[in-house]
Amino acid sequence: MVLSALSFVYESKKSEIASLQQLLQLGRLVGAISHMVHMLQRERGTANIYLCSHRQMGGEQLSERALQVQTAEDSMNQLLTSSEFVRQNIVNAARLFSRIAMVLHSLGTLPLLRQQVQALSISQPEAMKQYNDVIRAHLALVFETADISSDPLISRALLALCSFMQGKELAGQERATAAAGFAARQFDESTHLQLMDLIDSQDRCFQTFKEFADSPCRLVWQQQMSQQSSDFERYRRIACTRLSVDEGGSDMALRWFDIATARMDGMKIVENELEEALMTCCRQRISEAQASLALQQQSVEHLPQPEEHYPALLPAQLSRSVLELVEQQSRQLQALDTELARLRVTLAERKLVERAKSVLIQQHGFTEPQAHKTLREMAMNQNKKLSEVAEAMLAVSAVLNNESKAGP
């Protein structure tokens, strides 16, 4: 019986190692998504300028941006089809693979979108919405990987990265929205509100990032923000307050785009640091688990073993050692479960809010900041948590969808 218990102690540790190796593979996928999103954000910004300037600006860069996205897509596809990824027995694989399918489907919409942009047969708001949808599908996949993690340290690293990527995407939307206004030489009140909501939403995401990120990543973020151009805030104030922009003309659009791009490139440096921190954490946890398994085996091997003719009669010292290993493993798992449960509550709430925002965006035409602001105001008015309002909205949406499918 004791030897059977010992074998399951070993198997428990081996299972932990296998789970951590899965997370290492998923970390590589998150890195590929990060690069893809960065390229998509560049293409979206250039398309906005091209559309709003009526082919006067951005035309030369459109093909280059599309090629960069295609290269990033090829790299991601190579990872998804690799034997290391495919043969992994991933936890919650159904939801993960569903998200991957949504990402690949969204990428399939890009060729037609690019044709419409080139021909000026699509409006700037509609083009931006379609680019936003593609990027949102990628970010949802990153959130799904965070839900799979069974290690608190890795979960924290993933939550920091998820929050930062979301903040960076909102910064990209700010860049594209303001670039469109500068190219058109005018802003309206709704655009002012949209920009201010985007700024507020960025700050909220970056605050969450700082809550979960490690000290080195937070330091890199501070360094990048200290290097931000003073012109950025000046152009941002113009975009948020003026109705017309007569001076500078197209030069202001290009200048804003360059300044905002430099800011986002700085964010990509932080994002790269977060990815490296995630991968380092995965490798370190794998190494620690492997060392722990080796130590467990060594602690038992040198002890007196059962006699050949009486395998069930174990020496007392060996029996006590096995019991200590079982209890130690149990305490470690309990500590991990306690910390992981707290992180999963945070992640579950974030996912509920993101799903509710998607309903408002897809079904009611809201922008992402407008959707969040609506949920937040509803939560304040009802004196409820944001996640509770989001959950109620999703429940109502599900009922309405079922009724519409059932018909009269």
Protein backbone atom coordinates (compact mmCIF):
# COMPACT_ATOMS: atom_id res chain seq x y z
CA MET A 1 0.00 0.00 0.00
CA VAL A 2 2.82 2.41 0.91
CA LEU A 3 4.71 1.63 -2.30
CA SER A 4 1.52 2.33 -4.24
CA ALA A 5 1.19 5.67 -2.43
CA LEU A 6 4.81 6.47 -3.31
CA SER A 7 4.25 5.73 -6.99
CA PHE A 8 1.30 8.11 -7.04
CA VAL A 9 3.37 10.80 -5.33
CA TYR A 10 5.83 10.47 -8.21
CA GLU A 11 3.04 10.49 -10.79
CA SER A 12 1.58 13.64 -9.22
CA LYS A 13 4.88 15.44 -9.65
CA LYS A 14 5.27 14.11 -13.22
CA SER A 15 1.77 15.39 -14.00
CA GLU A 16 2.74 18.81 -12.64
CA ILE A 17 5.82 18.84 -14.89
CA ALA A 18 3.73 17.89 -17.94
CA SER A 19 1.26 20.68 -17.16
CA LEU A 20 4.10 23.20 -16.87
CA GLN A 21 5.53 22.04 -20.20
CA GLN A 22 2.10 22.68 -21.76
CA LEU A 23 2.19 26.21 -20.40
CA LEU A 24 5.64 26.69 -21.92
CA GLN A 25 4.20 25.80 -25.34
CA LEU A 26 1.22 28.09 -24.77
CA GLY A 27 3.65 30.84 -23.77
CA ARG A 28 5.28 30.52 -27.21
CA LEU A 29 1.82 30.86 -28.76
CA VAL A 30 1.14 34.00 -26.72
CA GLY A 31 4.42 35.46 -28.00
CA ALA A 32 3.39 34.78 -31.60
CA ILE A 33 0.00 36.40 -30.96
CA SER A 34 1.68 39.45 -29.45
CA HIS A 35 3.75 39.94 -32.59
CA MET A 36 0.73 39.38 -34.83
CA VAL A 37 -1.36 41.95 -32.94
CA HIS A 38 1.46 44.50 -33.18
CA MET A 39 1.58 44.09 -36.96
CA LEU A 40 -2.22 44.28 -37.23
CA GLN A 41 -2.22 47.49 -35.21
CA ARG A 42 0.28 49.03 -37.62
CA GLU A 43 -1.78 48.01 -40.64
CA ARG A 44 -4.95 49.38 -39.08
CA GLY A 45 -3.37 52.76 -38.39
CA THR A 46 -2.01 53.07 -41.91
CA ALA A 47 -5.39 52.08 -43.40
CA ASN A 48 -7.09 54.76 -41.32
CA ILE A 49 -4.79 57.47 -42.64
CA TYR A 50 -5.17 56.21 -46.22
CA LEU A 51 -8.97 56.23 -46.05
CA CYS A 52 -9.36 59.59 -44.33
CA SER A 53 -6.85 61.33 -46.61
CA HIS A 54 -8.56 59.84 -49.70
CA ARG A 55 -5.38 58.13 -50.93
CA GLN A 56 -3.19 61.17 -50.24
CA MET A 57 -1.27 59.47 -47.39
CA GLY A 58 -0.31 55.96 -46.41
CA GLY A 59 -0.67 54.30 -49.80
CA GLU A 60 2.99 53.31 -50.09
CA GLN A 61 2.94 51.62 -46.71
CA LEU A 62 -0.25 49.56 -47.14
CA SER A 63 1.34 46.67 -49.05
CA GLU A 64 4.30 46.61 -46.67
CA ARG A 65 1.99 46.45 -43.65
CA ALA A 66 -0.04 43.61 -45.19
CA LEU A 67 3.16 41.67 -45.90
CA GLN A 68 4.28 42.10 -42.28
CA VAL A 69 0.95 40.71 -41.06
CA GLN A 70 1.24 37.78 -43.46
CA THR A 71 4.74 36.98 -42.21
CA ALA A 72 3.49 37.05 -38.62
CA GLU A 73 0.56 34.83 -39.59
CA ASP A 74 2.91 32.30 -41.20
CA SER A 75 4.97 32.14 -38.01
CA MET A 76 1.86 31.60 -35.89
CA ASN A 77 0.54 28.90 -38.24
CA GLN A 78 3.90 27.15 -38.11
CA LEU A 79 3.68 27.04 -34.33
CA LEU A 80 0.07 25.82 -34.33
CA THR A 81 0.85 22.96 -36.71
CA SER A 82 4.11 21.94 -35.03
CA SER A 83 4.24 18.46 -33.52
CA GLU A 84 5.16 19.93 -30.11
CA PHE A 85 1.90 21.88 -29.99
CA VAL A 86 -0.42 19.34 -31.61
CA ARG A 87 0.59 16.39 -29.45
CA GLN A 88 0.11 18.28 -26.19
CA ASN A 89 -2.82 16.91 -24.16
CA ILE A 90 -3.96 20.42 -23.26
CA VAL A 91 -6.39 21.05 -20.42
CA ASN A 92 -9.63 22.72 -21.57
CA ALA A 93 -8.53 22.06 -25.15
CA ALA A 94 -12.08 22.46 -26.51
CA ARG A 95 -12.33 26.14 -25.52
CA LEU A 96 -8.74 26.85 -26.54
CA PHE A 97 -9.12 25.27 -29.98
CA SER A 98 -12.43 27.10 -30.46
CA ARG A 99 -10.62 30.39 -29.83
CA ILE A 100 -7.88 29.39 -32.26
CA ALA A 101 -10.55 28.65 -34.87
CA MET A 102 -12.04 32.12 -34.33
CA VAL A 103 -8.60 33.70 -34.77
CA LEU A 104 -7.96 31.84 -38.03
CA HIS A 105 -11.44 32.72 -39.30
CA SER A 106 -10.91 36.39 -38.50
CA LEU A 107 -7.63 36.42 -40.41
CA GLY A 108 -9.53 35.06 -43.42
CA THR A 109 -11.50 38.33 -43.57
CA LEU A 110 -8.40 40.45 -44.16
CA PRO A 111 -7.90 39.97 -47.95
CA LEU A 112 -11.36 41.38 -48.76
CA LEU A 113 -10.92 44.17 -46.22
CA ARG A 114 -7.63 45.18 -47.84
CA GLN A 115 -9.25 45.26 -51.28
CA GLN A 116 -12.00 47.50 -49.97
CA VAL A 117 -9.48 49.84 -48.33
CA GLN A 118 -7.43 50.10 -51.52
CA ALA A 119 -10.56 50.88 -53.55
CA LEU A 120 -11.95 53.32 -50.95
CA SER A 121 -15.13 51.26 -51.01
CA ILE A 122 -15.33 51.01 -47.21
CA SER A 123 -15.71 53.79 -44.66
CA GLN A 124 -12.99 54.49 -42.11
CA PRO A 125 -15.22 53.59 -39.10
CA GLU A 126 -16.25 50.27 -40.68
CA ALA A 127 -12.67 49.39 -41.65
CA MET A 128 -11.49 50.16 -38.14
CA LYS A 129 -14.28 48.05 -36.67
CA GLN A 130 -13.25 45.08 -38.78
CA TYR A 131 -9.59 45.42 -37.81
CA ASN A 132 -10.66 45.75 -34.17
CA ASP A 133 -12.66 42.52 -34.45
CA VAL A 134 -9.64 40.62 -35.76
CA ILE A 135 -7.44 41.92 -32.96
CA ARG A 136 -10.13 41.22 -30.35
CA ALA A 137 -10.21 37.57 -31.44
CA HIS A 138 -6.46 37.34 -30.83
CA LEU A 139 -6.70 38.91 -27.38
CA ALA A 140 -9.53 36.54 -26.43
CA LEU A 141 -7.19 33.65 -27.25
CA VAL A 142 -4.57 35.08 -24.89
CA PHE A 143 -7.17 35.29 -22.10
CA GLU A 144 -8.04 31.63 -22.76
CA THR A 145 -4.43 30.56 -22.25
CA ALA A 146 -4.43 32.37 -18.91
CA ASP A 147 -7.48 30.34 -17.86
CA ILE A 148 -5.62 27.08 -18.55
CA SER A 149 -2.74 27.83 -16.20
CA SER A 150 -2.67 25.77 -13.01
CA ASP A 151 0.37 27.52 -11.55
CA PRO A 152 -0.11 30.80 -9.60
CA LEU A 153 3.21 32.36 -10.63
CA ILE A 154 2.55 31.67 -14.31
CA SER A 155 -1.04 32.85 -13.93
CA ARG A 156 0.18 36.17 -12.54
CA ALA A 157 2.59 36.56 -15.45
CA LEU A 158 -0.19 35.78 -17.93
CA LEU A 159 -2.61 38.21 -16.27
CA ALA A 160 0.02 40.96 -16.39
CA LEU A 161 0.63 40.26 -20.07
CA CYS A 162 -3.11 40.04 -20.91
CA SER A 163 -3.80 43.37 -19.23
CA PHE A 164 -0.86 45.08 -20.90
CA MET A 165 -1.78 43.76 -24.36
CA GLN A 166 -5.31 45.04 -23.86
CA GLY A 167 -4.01 48.46 -22.81
CA LYS A 168 -1.68 48.55 -25.80
CA GLU A 169 -4.58 47.70 -28.12
CA LEU A 170 -6.57 50.61 -26.71
CA ALA A 171 -3.52 52.81 -27.33
CA GLY A 172 -3.55 51.54 -30.90
CA GLN A 173 -7.21 52.48 -31.25
CA GLU A 174 -6.37 55.94 -29.93
CA ARG A 175 -3.58 56.25 -32.48
CA ALA A 176 -5.84 55.18 -35.35
CA THR A 177 -8.82 57.31 -34.26
CA ALA A 178 -6.78 60.48 -33.81
CA ALA A 179 -4.85 59.82 -37.03
CA ALA A 180 -8.14 59.64 -38.90
CA GLY A 181 -9.21 62.96 -37.38
CA PHE A 182 -5.93 64.69 -38.22
CA ALA A 183 -6.03 63.32 -41.77
CA ALA A 184 -9.60 64.58 -42.19
CA ARG A 185 -8.58 67.86 -40.44
CA GLN A 186 -11.56 67.73 -38.11
CA PHE A 187 -12.89 66.12 -34.95
CA ASP A 188 -16.42 66.06 -33.61
CA GLU A 189 -17.73 65.82 -30.07
CA SER A 190 -18.33 62.07 -30.30
CA THR A 191 -14.70 61.56 -31.36
CA HIS A 192 -13.56 63.68 -28.41
CA LEU A 193 -15.55 61.46 -26.05
CA GLN A 194 -14.26 58.33 -27.74
CA LEU A 195 -10.65 59.45 -27.36
CA MET A 196 -11.09 60.36 -23.71
CA ASP A 197 -12.72 56.99 -23.03
CA LEU A 198 -9.79 55.27 -24.76
CA ILE A 199 -7.33 57.15 -22.57
CA ASP A 200 -9.25 56.24 -19.42
CA SER A 201 -9.50 52.60 -20.46
CA GLN A 202 -5.76 52.42 -21.15
CA ASP A 203 -4.94 53.73 -17.70
CA ARG A 204 -7.21 51.13 -16.14
CA CYS A 205 -5.55 48.26 -18.04
CA PHE A 206 -2.05 49.46 -17.21
CA GLN A 207 -3.00 49.72 -13.54
CA THR A 208 -4.03 46.05 -13.60
CA PHE A 209 -0.79 45.20 -15.38
CA LYS A 210 1.21 46.85 -12.59
CA GLU A 211 -0.74 44.88 -9.99
CA PHE A 212 0.34 41.51 -11.42
CA ALA A 213 3.69 42.24 -13.14
CA ASP A 214 7.04 41.66 -11.48
CA SER A 215 9.34 44.55 -10.51
CA PRO A 216 11.68 44.38 -13.56
CA CYS A 217 8.74 44.64 -15.99
CA ARG A 218 7.22 47.55 -14.06
CA LEU A 219 10.61 49.29 -14.16
CA VAL A 220 10.85 48.88 -17.95
CA TRP A 221 7.36 50.38 -18.23
CA GLN A 222 8.38 53.39 -16.14
CA GLN A 223 11.48 53.88 -18.29
CA GLN A 224 9.45 53.80 -21.50
CA MET A 225 6.94 56.29 -20.18
CA SER A 226 9.71 58.66 -19.07
CA GLN A 227 11.06 58.66 -22.64
CA GLN A 228 7.68 59.56 -24.15
CA SER A 229 7.78 62.60 -26.42
CA SER A 230 6.34 65.83 -25.02
CA ASP A 231 4.69 66.31 -28.40
CA PHE A 232 2.53 63.28 -27.73
CA GLU A 233 0.56 65.00 -24.97
CA ARG A 234 0.28 68.19 -27.05
CA TYR A 235 -1.18 66.35 -30.04
CA ARG A 236 -3.40 64.33 -27.75
CA ARG A 237 -4.86 67.54 -26.26
CA ILE A 238 -5.49 68.93 -29.75
CA ALA A 239 -7.33 65.76 -30.77
CA CYS A 240 -9.42 65.75 -27.59
CA THR A 241 -10.40 69.44 -27.61
CA ARG A 242 -10.42 70.96 -31.11
CA LEU A 243 -13.15 70.61 -33.71
CA SER A 244 -11.02 71.62 -36.70
CA VAL A 245 -7.31 71.34 -37.45
CA ASP A 246 -6.33 73.77 -40.16
CA GLU A 247 -2.65 74.32 -39.47
CA GLY A 248 -0.20 71.65 -40.55
CA GLY A 249 -2.68 69.68 -42.63
CA SER A 250 -1.45 66.24 -43.62
CA ASP A 251 1.83 66.84 -41.80
CA MET A 252 -0.01 66.78 -38.46
CA ALA A 253 -1.57 63.39 -39.26
CA LEU A 254 1.79 61.89 -40.17
CA ARG A 255 3.53 63.54 -37.22
CA TRP A 256 0.89 62.26 -34.77
CA PHE A 257 1.10 58.79 -36.27
CA ASP A 258 4.90 58.73 -35.92
CA ILE A 259 4.77 59.97 -32.31
CA ALA A 260 2.02 57.53 -31.33
CA THR A 261 3.86 54.72 -33.14
CA ALA A 262 7.03 55.46 -31.17
CA ARG A 263 4.95 55.22 -27.99
CA MET A 264 3.49 51.88 -29.07
CA ASP A 265 6.91 50.57 -30.08
CA GLY A 266 7.98 51.40 -26.54
CA MET A 267 5.00 49.43 -25.27
CA LYS A 268 6.10 46.51 -27.45
CA ILE A 269 9.43 46.54 -25.62
CA VAL A 270 7.53 46.18 -22.34
CA GLU A 271 5.37 43.48 -23.89
CA ASN A 272 8.52 41.62 -24.96
CA GLU A 273 9.81 41.83 -21.38
CA LEU A 274 6.52 40.41 -20.12
CA GLU A 275 6.73 37.55 -22.63
CA GLU A 276 10.29 36.78 -21.56
CA ALA A 277 9.26 36.92 -17.91
CA LEU A 278 6.47 34.45 -18.68
CA MET A 279 8.80 32.04 -20.49
CA THR A 280 11.45 32.34 -17.78
CA CYS A 281 8.81 31.62 -15.15
CA CYS A 282 7.66 28.51 -17.06
CA ARG A 283 11.21 27.19 -17.44
CA GLN A 284 12.03 27.92 -13.81
CA ARG A 285 8.91 26.17 -12.54
CA ILE A 286 9.67 23.14 -14.74
CA SER A 287 13.22 23.02 -13.41
CA GLU A 288 12.00 23.30 -9.81
CA ALA A 289 9.44 20.52 -10.30
CA GLN A 290 12.00 18.23 -11.92
CA ALA A 291 14.47 18.90 -9.09
CA SER A 292 11.73 18.21 -6.55
CA LEU A 293 10.93 14.87 -8.22
CA ALA A 294 14.61 13.89 -8.26
CA LEU A 295 14.93 14.82 -4.58
CA GLN A 296 11.86 12.76 -3.69
CA GLN A 297 13.30 9.73 -5.44
CA GLN A 298 16.72 10.17 -3.84
CA SER A 299 15.26 10.54 -0.35
CA VAL A 300 13.67 7.10 -0.63
CA GLU A 301 16.32 5.17 -2.57
CA HIS A 302 18.94 5.18 0.21
CA LEU A 303 16.51 3.93 2.85
CA PRO A 304 16.14 0.22 3.76
CA GLN A 305 13.93 -1.51 1.19
CA PRO A 306 11.35 -4.31 1.76
CA GLU A 307 12.62 -7.87 1.91
CA GLU A 308 12.23 -9.82 -1.29
CA HIS A 309 9.95 -12.47 0.22
CA TYR A 310 7.82 -9.93 2.20
CA PRO A 311 7.33 -6.88 -0.09
CA ALA A 312 4.32 -5.66 1.88
CA LEU A 313 6.29 -5.43 5.13
CA LEU A 314 8.09 -2.11 4.83
CA PRO A 315 10.79 -0.90 7.20
CA ALA A 316 9.44 1.75 9.56
CA GLN A 317 11.92 4.36 8.32
CA LEU A 318 10.80 3.89 4.70
CA SER A 319 7.14 4.02 5.71
CA ARG A 320 7.65 7.30 7.59
CA SER A 321 9.57 8.80 4.67
CA VAL A 322 6.80 7.96 2.21
CA LEU A 323 4.19 9.44 4.55
CA GLU A 324 6.23 12.65 4.84
CA LEU A 325 6.42 12.92 1.04
CA VAL A 326 2.67 12.43 0.73
CA GLU A 327 1.96 15.10 3.35
CA GLN A 328 4.50 17.52 1.89
CA GLN A 329 3.02 17.12 -1.59
CA SER A 330 -0.47 17.66 -0.18
CA ARG A 331 0.58 20.89 1.59
CA GLN A 332 2.25 22.24 -1.55
CA LEU A 333 -0.80 21.51 -3.69
CA GLN A 334 -3.11 23.12 -1.13
CA ALA A 335 -1.00 26.28 -1.09
CA LEU A 336 -1.02 26.40 -4.89
CA ASP A 337 -4.78 25.84 -5.01
CA THR A 338 -5.46 28.67 -2.56
CA GLU A 339 -3.42 31.22 -4.53
CA LEU A 340 -4.71 29.93 -7.87
CA ALA A 341 -8.33 30.16 -6.74
CA ARG A 342 -7.88 33.87 -5.98
CA LEU A 343 -6.28 34.53 -9.37
CA ARG A 344 -8.96 32.56 -11.19
CA VAL A 345 -11.68 34.66 -9.59
CA THR A 346 -9.94 37.74 -10.99
CA LEU A 347 -9.58 36.13 -14.41
CA ALA A 348 -13.18 34.85 -14.45
CA GLU A 349 -14.46 38.34 -13.67
CA ARG A 350 -12.29 39.84 -16.41
CA LYS A 351 -13.56 37.28 -18.93
CA LEU A 352 -17.20 37.98 -18.02
CA VAL A 353 -16.66 41.70 -18.56
CA GLU A 354 -14.89 41.09 -21.88
CA ARG A 355 -17.71 38.83 -23.11
CA ALA A 356 -20.35 41.39 -22.11
CA LYS A 357 -18.41 44.13 -23.87
CA SER A 358 -18.28 41.95 -27.00
CA VAL A 359 -22.08 41.65 -26.91
CA LEU A 360 -22.45 45.43 -26.78
CA ILE A 361 -19.88 45.88 -29.55
CA GLN A 362 -21.23 43.21 -31.89
CA GLN A 363 -24.96 43.66 -31.33
CA HIS A 364 -25.25 47.37 -30.58
CA GLY A 365 -22.31 48.96 -32.39
CA PHE A 366 -20.54 50.27 -29.29
CA THR A 367 -16.83 50.97 -29.24
CA GLU A 368 -14.83 49.10 -26.62
CA PRO A 369 -14.51 52.11 -24.28
CA GLN A 370 -18.22 52.90 -24.71
CA ALA A 371 -19.10 49.31 -23.84
CA HIS A 372 -16.96 49.39 -20.70
CA LYS A 373 -18.33 52.79 -19.68
CA THR A 374 -21.89 51.51 -20.10
CA LEU A 375 -21.21 48.45 -17.94
CA ARG A 376 -19.48 50.58 -15.32
CA GLU A 377 -22.38 53.05 -15.13
CA MET A 378 -24.87 50.19 -14.83
CA ALA A 379 -22.81 48.71 -11.99
CA MET A 380 -22.71 52.05 -10.16
CA ASN A 381 -26.44 52.65 -10.63
CA GLN A 382 -27.31 49.17 -9.37
CA ASN A 383 -24.63 49.17 -6.64
CA LYS A 384 -23.19 45.93 -8.00
CA LYS A 385 -19.80 44.65 -9.08
CA LEU A 386 -18.90 45.09 -12.74
CA SER A 387 -18.68 41.32 -13.19
CA GLU A 388 -22.18 40.83 -11.73
CA VAL A 389 -23.68 43.28 -14.22
CA ALA A 390 -21.74 41.61 -17.03
CA GLU A 391 -23.00 38.16 -16.01
CA ALA A 392 -26.61 39.40 -15.89
CA MET A 393 -26.27 41.01 -19.31
CA LEU A 394 -24.88 37.79 -20.81
CA ALA A 395 -27.77 35.83 -19.32
CA VAL A 396 -30.34 38.21 -20.82
CA SER A 397 -28.54 38.13 -24.17
CA ALA A 398 -28.59 34.32 -24.18
CA VAL A 399 -32.34 34.24 -23.48
CA LEU A 400 -33.06 36.76 -26.24
CA ASN A 401 -30.93 34.84 -28.71
CA ASN A 402 -32.75 31.59 -27.90
CA GLU A 403 -36.13 33.27 -28.34
CA SER A 404 -35.13 34.78 -31.68
CA LYS A 405 -33.96 31.35 -32.90
CA ALA A 406 -37.20 29.72 -31.75
CA GLY A 407 -39.24 32.21 -33.76
CA PRO A 408 -42.89 33.13 -33.28
